[in-house]
Structure formats: structure tokens, C-alpha cells
Amino acid sequence: MSIKQDRIAGRIRQILSQLLLREISDPRLLGLTITEVEIDTELTFARVYVNALGEEERQAEILAALAKAKGFLRKELGKRVRLRTTPDMGFYWDARYDRADQIEELLASLHIPPPDDIPAEEVPADDDSVR
């Protein structure tokens, strides 16, 4: 992404986070985190990645609530961001953290025995400097 896309995506993430925290009263969206925003080169579509840590089973419910609140969020975003057109938004579940937890659990469950055939360092027998 270009510097401008990064800057605008960061601003959109900040605005949406504030809106979800302060102005959305839907209880399904409590504890929701905007993890990342990607915006296309024409600045017309934003992919908004969300996660609610520890509440992965509510993924469908949360995405449905975001789809319902999309019009309000886009209207408020348009008031706060200075662009020629307000980008359309698509909401996606960010499973990075879930996958990271799974990988950590797999690594912790591995039993790797210490190698038995480690060659001992050869120390000369007649070396008087080591005592």
C-alpha cells in the first residue's frame, strides 16, 4: 500500500474504533476490536478486519450486527474523514490471533527428547591449563 492508503486506512480504523466504543449501542458489538483496515488504490472500498478475543463462537452474530450497522458507520465515517467519496466497507473476521493460539498450543504439546548422541568436546588429555 502507498503512504496515502496507509494513512487513510489508519484514520478509518481510528474513527471506526471510536464509533464502536462510543456511539454504537448494539450489545452484540461489545468488546469488538478493529484489527486492521485495508483500502484499495482508488480509496473506494475498505476491508475492515475485526476480532473479539475469546468470543470466536460469536463470529457470525458479530458480522451480522456489523452488516446491520454498516449504513450508520459509513455515514459517520463520511462526516469525519476528508475524502471525495466515502469508501464502501466490507467486514471480515480476523482469525490471525486464533491461528497464533493454535500454533502456540501445538508447539507446547510437542515432546522433543534431548539428543543422546551429542559428541563431547574433545579436550587433550595432557593439557595442563585446564584444571
Protein backbone atom coordinates (compact mmCIF):
# COMPACT_ATOMS: atom_id res chain seq x y z
CA MET A 1 0.00 0.00 0.00
CA SER A 2 1.07 3.55 -0.61
CA ILE A 3 1.72 6.02 2.17
CA LYS A 4 -1.60 7.74 1.47
CA GLN A 5 -3.50 4.43 1.64
CA ASP A 6 -1.78 3.56 4.92
CA ARG A 7 -2.60 6.96 6.39
CA ILE A 8 -6.25 6.82 5.33
CA ALA A 9 -6.62 3.19 6.47
CA GLY A 10 -5.21 4.15 9.89
CA ARG A 11 -7.61 7.07 10.13
CA ILE A 12 -10.58 4.87 9.17
CA ARG A 13 -9.54 2.32 11.79
CA GLN A 14 -9.35 5.04 14.44
CA ILE A 15 -12.73 6.53 13.53
CA LEU A 16 -14.49 3.14 13.42
CA SER A 17 -12.97 2.16 16.76
CA GLN A 18 -14.27 5.37 18.34
CA LEU A 19 -17.71 4.88 16.80
CA LEU A 20 -17.95 1.31 18.08
CA LEU A 21 -16.79 2.37 21.51
CA ARG A 22 -18.92 5.48 21.97
CA GLU A 23 -21.84 5.60 19.57
CA ILE A 24 -22.96 2.05 18.83
CA SER A 25 -25.35 0.66 21.42
CA ASP A 26 -25.74 -2.83 19.95
CA PRO A 27 -24.72 -5.28 22.73
CA ARG A 28 -23.52 -7.77 20.09
CA LEU A 29 -20.67 -5.40 19.26
CA LEU A 30 -19.30 -5.02 22.79
CA GLY A 31 -15.64 -5.96 23.12
CA LEU A 32 -15.07 -5.78 19.37
CA THR A 33 -11.64 -4.75 18.10
CA ILE A 34 -10.82 -3.34 14.68
CA THR A 35 -7.56 -5.15 13.98
CA GLU A 36 -6.78 -3.85 10.50
CA VAL A 37 -8.16 -1.79 7.64
CA GLU A 38 -7.04 -2.23 4.04
CA ILE A 39 -8.16 0.26 1.43
CA ASP A 40 -7.93 -0.11 -2.35
CA THR A 41 -5.88 2.23 -4.55
CA GLU A 42 -8.96 4.24 -5.65
CA LEU A 43 -9.97 4.74 -1.98
CA THR A 44 -13.47 3.44 -2.71
CA PHE A 45 -13.52 0.16 -0.77
CA ALA A 46 -12.16 -0.68 2.67
CA ARG A 47 -11.73 -4.19 4.05
CA VAL A 48 -12.24 -3.92 7.80
CA TYR A 49 -10.91 -6.83 9.85
CA VAL A 50 -12.43 -7.36 13.30
CA ASN A 51 -11.94 -9.71 16.22
CA ALA A 52 -13.42 -10.23 19.66
CA LEU A 53 -10.80 -12.10 21.63
CA GLY A 54 -12.18 -15.11 23.43
CA GLU A 55 -15.52 -14.89 21.64
CA GLU A 56 -14.83 -16.70 18.38
CA GLU A 57 -18.12 -18.62 18.65
CA ARG A 58 -19.98 -15.30 18.17
CA GLN A 59 -18.30 -14.60 14.83
CA ALA A 60 -21.46 -14.91 12.69
CA GLU A 61 -23.50 -12.85 15.17
CA ILE A 62 -20.90 -10.07 15.24
CA LEU A 63 -20.56 -9.93 11.44
CA ALA A 64 -24.37 -9.78 11.11
CA ALA A 65 -24.52 -6.89 13.59
CA LEU A 66 -21.79 -5.05 11.65
CA ALA A 67 -23.68 -5.58 8.40
CA LYS A 68 -26.75 -4.06 10.05
CA ALA A 69 -24.75 -1.07 11.39
CA LYS A 70 -22.83 -0.56 8.13
CA GLY A 71 -25.01 2.33 6.88
CA PHE A 72 -24.66 4.27 10.13
CA LEU A 73 -20.92 3.61 10.29
CA ARG A 74 -20.38 4.71 6.69
CA LYS A 75 -22.44 7.89 7.18
CA GLU A 76 -20.49 8.83 10.33
CA LEU A 77 -17.20 7.91 8.66
CA GLY A 78 -18.09 10.25 5.78
CA LYS A 79 -18.59 13.12 8.22
CA ARG A 80 -15.21 12.58 9.86
CA VAL A 81 -12.84 11.60 7.06
CA ARG A 82 -11.93 14.05 4.33
CA LEU A 83 -12.28 12.16 1.07
CA ARG A 84 -14.11 12.89 -2.15
CA THR A 85 -16.25 9.79 -1.64
CA THR A 86 -16.73 7.72 1.48
CA PRO A 87 -15.37 4.23 0.91
CA ASP A 88 -17.75 1.29 1.00
CA MET A 89 -16.83 -1.19 3.72
CA GLY A 90 -16.73 -4.93 3.99
CA PHE A 91 -16.33 -6.54 7.40
CA TYR A 92 -14.24 -9.68 7.80
CA TRP A 93 -13.32 -11.81 10.79
CA ASP A 94 -9.59 -11.65 11.57
CA ALA A 95 -8.52 -15.17 12.51
CA ARG A 96 -4.82 -14.36 12.93
CA TYR A 97 -4.97 -14.48 16.71
CA ASP A 98 -6.90 -17.75 16.70
CA ARG A 99 -4.30 -19.33 14.41
CA ALA A 100 -1.45 -17.97 16.55
CA ASP A 101 -3.02 -19.56 19.66
CA GLN A 102 -3.39 -22.87 17.84
CA ILE A 103 0.26 -22.80 16.76
CA GLU A 104 1.39 -22.00 20.29
CA GLU A 105 -0.67 -24.89 21.68
CA LEU A 106 0.81 -27.26 19.10
CA LEU A 107 4.34 -26.16 19.91
CA ALA A 108 3.71 -26.53 23.64
CA SER A 109 2.34 -30.05 23.16
CA LEU A 110 5.40 -31.28 21.29
CA HIS A 111 7.68 -33.59 23.22
CA ILE A 112 11.17 -33.28 21.81
CA PRO A 113 13.63 -35.52 23.65
CA PRO A 114 17.13 -34.19 24.08
CA PRO A 115 19.56 -35.68 21.62
CA ASP A 116 21.61 -38.56 23.11
CA ASP A 117 24.41 -38.57 20.60
CA ILE A 118 25.96 -35.19 21.27
CA PRO A 119 29.68 -35.53 20.73
CA ALA A 120 31.63 -34.42 23.79
CA GLU A 121 34.16 -31.73 23.19
CA GLU A 122 37.48 -33.29 22.75
CA VAL A 123 39.89 -31.98 25.32
CA PRO A 124 43.52 -33.03 25.03
CA ALA A 125 44.41 -35.34 27.92
CA ASP A 126 47.82 -33.84 28.50
CA ASP A 127 46.61 -30.22 28.64
CA ASP A 128 47.74 -28.79 31.98
CA SER A 129 45.96 -25.47 31.50
CA VAL A 130 42.52 -26.93 32.29
CA ARG A 131 42.08 -27.83 35.98
